[in-house]
N, C-alpha and C. Protein backbone atom coordinates (compact mmCIF):
# COMPACT_ATOMS: atom_id res chain seq x y z
N UNK A 1 15.45 -0.75 -7.91
CA UNK A 1 14.79 -1.95 -8.34
C UNK A 1 13.49 -2.12 -7.56
N UNK A 2 12.44 -2.43 -8.26
CA UNK A 2 11.12 -2.61 -7.65
C UNK A 2 10.98 -4.04 -7.13
N UNK A 3 10.18 -4.16 -6.12
CA UNK A 3 9.83 -5.49 -5.60
C UNK A 3 8.47 -5.85 -6.18
N UNK A 4 8.41 -6.97 -6.88
CA UNK A 4 7.17 -7.41 -7.49
C UNK A 4 6.66 -8.65 -6.75
N UNK A 5 5.39 -8.95 -6.98
CA UNK A 5 4.76 -10.06 -6.28
C UNK A 5 5.50 -11.38 -6.49
N UNK A 6 6.00 -11.61 -7.70
CA UNK A 6 6.72 -12.86 -7.97
C UNK A 6 7.99 -12.96 -7.13
N UNK A 7 8.66 -11.84 -6.88
CA UNK A 7 9.85 -11.85 -6.02
C UNK A 7 9.48 -12.21 -4.58
N UNK A 8 8.35 -11.71 -4.12
CA UNK A 8 7.90 -12.03 -2.76
C UNK A 8 7.60 -13.52 -2.66
N UNK A 9 6.95 -14.06 -3.68
CA UNK A 9 6.62 -15.49 -3.67
C UNK A 9 7.89 -16.34 -3.71
N UNK A 10 8.89 -15.92 -4.49
CA UNK A 10 10.16 -16.66 -4.53
C UNK A 10 10.85 -16.65 -3.17
N UNK A 11 10.82 -15.52 -2.50
CA UNK A 11 11.44 -15.42 -1.17
C UNK A 11 10.69 -16.29 -0.16
N UNK A 12 9.36 -16.28 -0.24
CA UNK A 12 8.58 -17.15 0.64
C UNK A 12 8.87 -18.62 0.36
N UNK A 13 9.02 -18.98 -0.92
CA UNK A 13 9.32 -20.36 -1.29
C UNK A 13 10.68 -20.78 -0.74
N UNK A 14 11.63 -19.85 -0.74
CA UNK A 14 12.96 -20.14 -0.19
C UNK A 14 12.89 -20.34 1.32
N UNK A 15 12.09 -19.52 2.00
CA UNK A 15 11.98 -19.62 3.45
C UNK A 15 11.10 -20.77 3.91
N UNK A 16 10.11 -21.12 3.08
CA UNK A 16 9.17 -22.19 3.43
C UNK A 16 9.08 -23.19 2.28
N UNK A 17 10.08 -24.05 2.13
CA UNK A 17 10.12 -24.96 0.98
C UNK A 17 9.02 -26.02 0.99
N UNK A 18 8.38 -26.26 2.12
CA UNK A 18 7.34 -27.28 2.19
C UNK A 18 6.02 -26.84 1.55
N UNK A 19 5.85 -25.54 1.34
CA UNK A 19 4.63 -25.03 0.74
C UNK A 19 4.76 -25.00 -0.78
N UNK A 20 3.66 -25.26 -1.47
CA UNK A 20 3.65 -25.17 -2.92
C UNK A 20 3.60 -23.70 -3.35
N UNK A 21 4.17 -23.42 -4.51
CA UNK A 21 4.18 -22.04 -5.01
C UNK A 21 2.78 -21.50 -5.21
N UNK A 22 1.87 -22.36 -5.71
CA UNK A 22 0.50 -21.88 -5.93
C UNK A 22 -0.19 -21.55 -4.61
N UNK A 23 0.13 -22.27 -3.54
CA UNK A 23 -0.44 -21.95 -2.23
C UNK A 23 0.12 -20.64 -1.70
N UNK A 24 1.41 -20.41 -1.90
CA UNK A 24 2.01 -19.14 -1.47
C UNK A 24 1.44 -17.98 -2.27
N UNK A 25 1.17 -18.21 -3.55
CA UNK A 25 0.57 -17.18 -4.39
C UNK A 25 -0.84 -16.84 -3.91
N UNK A 26 -1.62 -17.87 -3.57
CA UNK A 26 -2.97 -17.64 -3.04
C UNK A 26 -2.90 -16.90 -1.71
N UNK A 27 -1.93 -17.26 -0.89
CA UNK A 27 -1.74 -16.62 0.41
C UNK A 27 -1.48 -15.12 0.25
N UNK A 28 -0.57 -14.76 -0.66
CA UNK A 28 -0.28 -13.35 -0.88
C UNK A 28 -1.48 -12.63 -1.49
N UNK A 29 -2.23 -13.30 -2.38
CA UNK A 29 -3.44 -12.70 -2.95
C UNK A 29 -4.46 -12.39 -1.85
N UNK A 30 -4.63 -13.32 -0.93
CA UNK A 30 -5.59 -13.13 0.16
C UNK A 30 -5.18 -11.93 1.01
N UNK A 31 -3.91 -11.84 1.35
CA UNK A 31 -3.44 -10.72 2.19
C UNK A 31 -3.64 -9.39 1.48
N UNK A 32 -3.23 -9.31 0.22
CA UNK A 32 -3.35 -8.06 -0.52
C UNK A 32 -4.82 -7.68 -0.74
N UNK A 33 -5.67 -8.66 -1.00
CA UNK A 33 -7.09 -8.37 -1.18
C UNK A 33 -7.73 -7.90 0.12
N UNK A 34 -7.33 -8.47 1.24
CA UNK A 34 -7.87 -8.02 2.53
C UNK A 34 -7.45 -6.59 2.83
N UNK A 35 -6.21 -6.24 2.49
CA UNK A 35 -5.76 -4.86 2.68
C UNK A 35 -6.58 -3.92 1.80
N UNK A 36 -6.77 -4.28 0.53
CA UNK A 36 -7.57 -3.45 -0.37
C UNK A 36 -9.01 -3.31 0.11
N UNK A 37 -9.62 -4.41 0.55
CA UNK A 37 -11.00 -4.35 1.00
C UNK A 37 -11.15 -3.49 2.25
N UNK A 38 -10.20 -3.59 3.16
CA UNK A 38 -10.26 -2.77 4.37
C UNK A 38 -10.14 -1.30 4.03
N UNK A 39 -9.23 -0.95 3.13
CA UNK A 39 -9.08 0.45 2.73
C UNK A 39 -10.31 0.94 1.98
N UNK A 40 -10.92 0.09 1.17
CA UNK A 40 -12.13 0.45 0.45
C UNK A 40 -13.27 0.76 1.43
N UNK A 41 -13.33 0.02 2.54
CA UNK A 41 -14.35 0.27 3.56
C UNK A 41 -14.03 1.51 4.40
N UNK A 42 -12.81 2.01 4.31
CA UNK A 42 -12.41 3.16 5.11
C UNK A 42 -11.72 2.78 6.40
N UNK A 43 -11.39 1.51 6.57
CA UNK A 43 -10.70 1.05 7.78
C UNK A 43 -9.20 1.29 7.68
N UNK A 44 -8.56 1.32 8.83
CA UNK A 44 -7.09 1.41 8.88
C UNK A 44 -6.52 0.00 8.82
N UNK A 45 -5.36 -0.13 8.21
CA UNK A 45 -4.65 -1.41 8.18
C UNK A 45 -3.35 -1.19 8.94
N UNK A 46 -3.22 -1.86 10.08
CA UNK A 46 -2.05 -1.67 10.93
C UNK A 46 -1.19 -2.93 10.93
N UNK A 47 0.03 -2.80 10.47
CA UNK A 47 1.02 -3.87 10.54
C UNK A 47 2.12 -3.34 11.46
N UNK A 48 1.81 -3.36 12.74
CA UNK A 48 2.65 -2.70 13.74
C UNK A 48 4.02 -3.35 13.86
N UNK A 49 4.98 -2.52 14.24
CA UNK A 49 6.37 -2.89 14.53
C UNK A 49 7.14 -3.40 13.33
N UNK A 50 6.47 -3.87 12.31
CA UNK A 50 7.22 -4.41 11.18
C UNK A 50 7.11 -3.54 9.95
N UNK A 51 5.97 -2.89 9.74
CA UNK A 51 5.81 -2.17 8.49
C UNK A 51 5.26 -0.77 8.69
N UNK A 52 4.05 -0.67 9.19
CA UNK A 52 3.45 0.63 9.39
C UNK A 52 1.94 0.57 9.32
N UNK A 53 1.33 1.70 8.98
CA UNK A 53 -0.11 1.82 8.96
C UNK A 53 -0.56 2.41 7.62
N UNK A 54 -1.55 1.76 6.98
CA UNK A 54 -2.20 2.30 5.80
C UNK A 54 -3.53 2.90 6.25
N UNK A 55 -3.90 4.06 5.70
CA UNK A 55 -5.19 4.64 5.99
C UNK A 55 -5.62 5.51 4.82
N UNK A 56 -6.93 5.77 4.73
CA UNK A 56 -7.45 6.58 3.64
C UNK A 56 -7.69 8.00 4.11
N UNK A 57 -7.63 8.90 3.16
CA UNK A 57 -7.90 10.30 3.41
C UNK A 57 -8.80 10.79 2.28
N UNK A 58 -9.73 11.66 2.57
CA UNK A 58 -10.63 12.19 1.55
C UNK A 58 -10.19 13.60 1.19
N UNK A 59 -9.88 13.80 -0.09
CA UNK A 59 -9.56 15.14 -0.57
C UNK A 59 -10.86 15.82 -0.99
N UNK A 60 -11.07 17.02 -0.53
CA UNK A 60 -12.29 17.75 -0.88
C UNK A 60 -12.24 18.15 -2.35
N UNK A 61 -13.43 18.36 -2.92
CA UNK A 61 -13.44 18.81 -4.30
C UNK A 61 -12.87 20.22 -4.36
N UNK A 62 -12.25 20.55 -5.47
CA UNK A 62 -11.61 21.86 -5.57
C UNK A 62 -11.58 22.31 -7.02
N UNK A 63 -11.27 23.57 -7.20
CA UNK A 63 -11.10 24.12 -8.54
C UNK A 63 -9.62 24.41 -8.71
N UNK A 64 -9.05 23.83 -9.75
CA UNK A 64 -7.63 23.99 -10.03
C UNK A 64 -7.45 24.50 -11.44
N UNK A 65 -6.22 24.79 -11.80
CA UNK A 65 -5.94 25.29 -13.13
C UNK A 65 -5.19 24.26 -13.95
N UNK A 66 -5.56 24.15 -15.21
CA UNK A 66 -4.83 23.33 -16.16
C UNK A 66 -3.55 24.10 -16.50
N UNK A 67 -2.36 23.56 -16.20
CA UNK A 67 -1.13 24.33 -16.42
C UNK A 67 -0.85 24.60 -17.90
N UNK A 68 -1.39 23.77 -18.77
CA UNK A 68 -1.13 23.95 -20.20
C UNK A 68 -1.97 25.09 -20.79
N UNK A 69 -3.26 25.12 -20.42
CA UNK A 69 -4.16 26.11 -21.02
C UNK A 69 -4.51 27.25 -20.07
N UNK A 70 -4.36 27.04 -18.77
CA UNK A 70 -4.72 28.05 -17.80
C UNK A 70 -6.20 28.05 -17.45
N UNK A 71 -6.98 27.15 -18.06
CA UNK A 71 -8.40 27.06 -17.77
C UNK A 71 -8.64 26.49 -16.38
N UNK A 72 -9.76 26.90 -15.78
CA UNK A 72 -10.14 26.35 -14.48
C UNK A 72 -10.77 24.99 -14.69
N UNK A 73 -10.40 24.04 -13.82
CA UNK A 73 -10.91 22.68 -13.90
C UNK A 73 -11.43 22.30 -12.53
N UNK A 74 -12.64 21.75 -12.50
CA UNK A 74 -13.20 21.30 -11.23
C UNK A 74 -12.78 19.85 -10.99
N UNK A 75 -12.11 19.63 -9.87
CA UNK A 75 -11.65 18.29 -9.50
C UNK A 75 -12.61 17.74 -8.46
N UNK A 76 -13.23 16.57 -8.71
CA UNK A 76 -14.19 16.03 -7.74
C UNK A 76 -13.52 15.50 -6.49
N UNK A 77 -14.34 15.27 -5.47
CA UNK A 77 -13.84 14.69 -4.22
C UNK A 77 -13.31 13.28 -4.51
N UNK A 78 -12.19 12.93 -3.87
CA UNK A 78 -11.63 11.60 -4.08
C UNK A 78 -10.91 11.12 -2.83
N UNK A 79 -10.76 9.80 -2.77
CA UNK A 79 -10.04 9.20 -1.65
C UNK A 79 -8.61 8.90 -2.06
N UNK A 80 -7.70 9.07 -1.12
CA UNK A 80 -6.30 8.73 -1.35
C UNK A 80 -5.85 7.78 -0.25
N UNK A 81 -4.79 7.04 -0.55
CA UNK A 81 -4.22 6.12 0.44
C UNK A 81 -2.95 6.74 0.99
N UNK A 82 -2.83 6.77 2.30
CA UNK A 82 -1.64 7.26 2.96
C UNK A 82 -0.99 6.13 3.74
N UNK A 83 0.30 6.27 3.98
CA UNK A 83 1.04 5.26 4.72
C UNK A 83 1.96 5.96 5.69
N UNK A 84 1.95 5.49 6.92
CA UNK A 84 2.87 6.00 7.93
C UNK A 84 3.77 4.84 8.33
N UNK A 85 5.07 5.03 8.16
CA UNK A 85 6.01 3.94 8.45
C UNK A 85 6.16 3.73 9.95
N UNK A 86 6.54 2.52 10.31
CA UNK A 86 6.76 2.20 11.72
C UNK A 86 8.08 2.81 12.17
N UNK A 87 8.25 2.93 13.46
CA UNK A 87 9.50 3.48 14.01
C UNK A 87 10.68 2.60 13.66
N UNK A 88 10.44 1.29 13.58
CA UNK A 88 11.51 0.34 13.24
C UNK A 88 12.04 0.59 11.82
N UNK A 89 11.16 0.76 10.86
CA UNK A 89 11.61 1.05 9.48
C UNK A 89 12.28 2.41 9.42
N UNK A 90 11.72 3.39 10.14
CA UNK A 90 12.31 4.72 10.14
C UNK A 90 13.75 4.68 10.62
N UNK A 91 13.98 3.96 11.71
CA UNK A 91 15.34 3.91 12.24
C UNK A 91 16.27 3.11 11.34
N UNK A 92 15.78 2.07 10.66
CA UNK A 92 16.61 1.32 9.72
C UNK A 92 16.98 2.16 8.51
N UNK A 93 16.02 2.94 8.00
CA UNK A 93 16.30 3.79 6.85
C UNK A 93 17.29 4.91 7.16
N UNK A 94 17.23 5.40 8.40
CA UNK A 94 18.08 6.51 8.80
C UNK A 94 19.31 6.06 9.59
N UNK A 95 19.58 4.77 9.60
CA UNK A 95 20.76 4.21 10.26
C UNK A 95 20.88 4.64 11.71
N UNK A 96 19.80 4.61 12.43
CA UNK A 96 19.84 5.01 13.85
C UNK A 96 19.96 3.80 14.73
């Protein structure tokens, strides 16, 4: 089962009943937009001890093959997002 933004807002509403849902929605939008903007700038996003680290990596341009036709295809340089989990999540996932 996937976790969607509305589920996060419902959980926040349960934990913080004094806040309005629209305020919690704006709060989550601000956080997610700040993460996106930081990654777009090439900065690292560190949520230490609780989640992990997001960072970007640049894949060099390359020539690959189309598996269907076998033709060579030039793939341009692109950025990817990587995530390294915190030690806390790692140990919870592996029951350590």
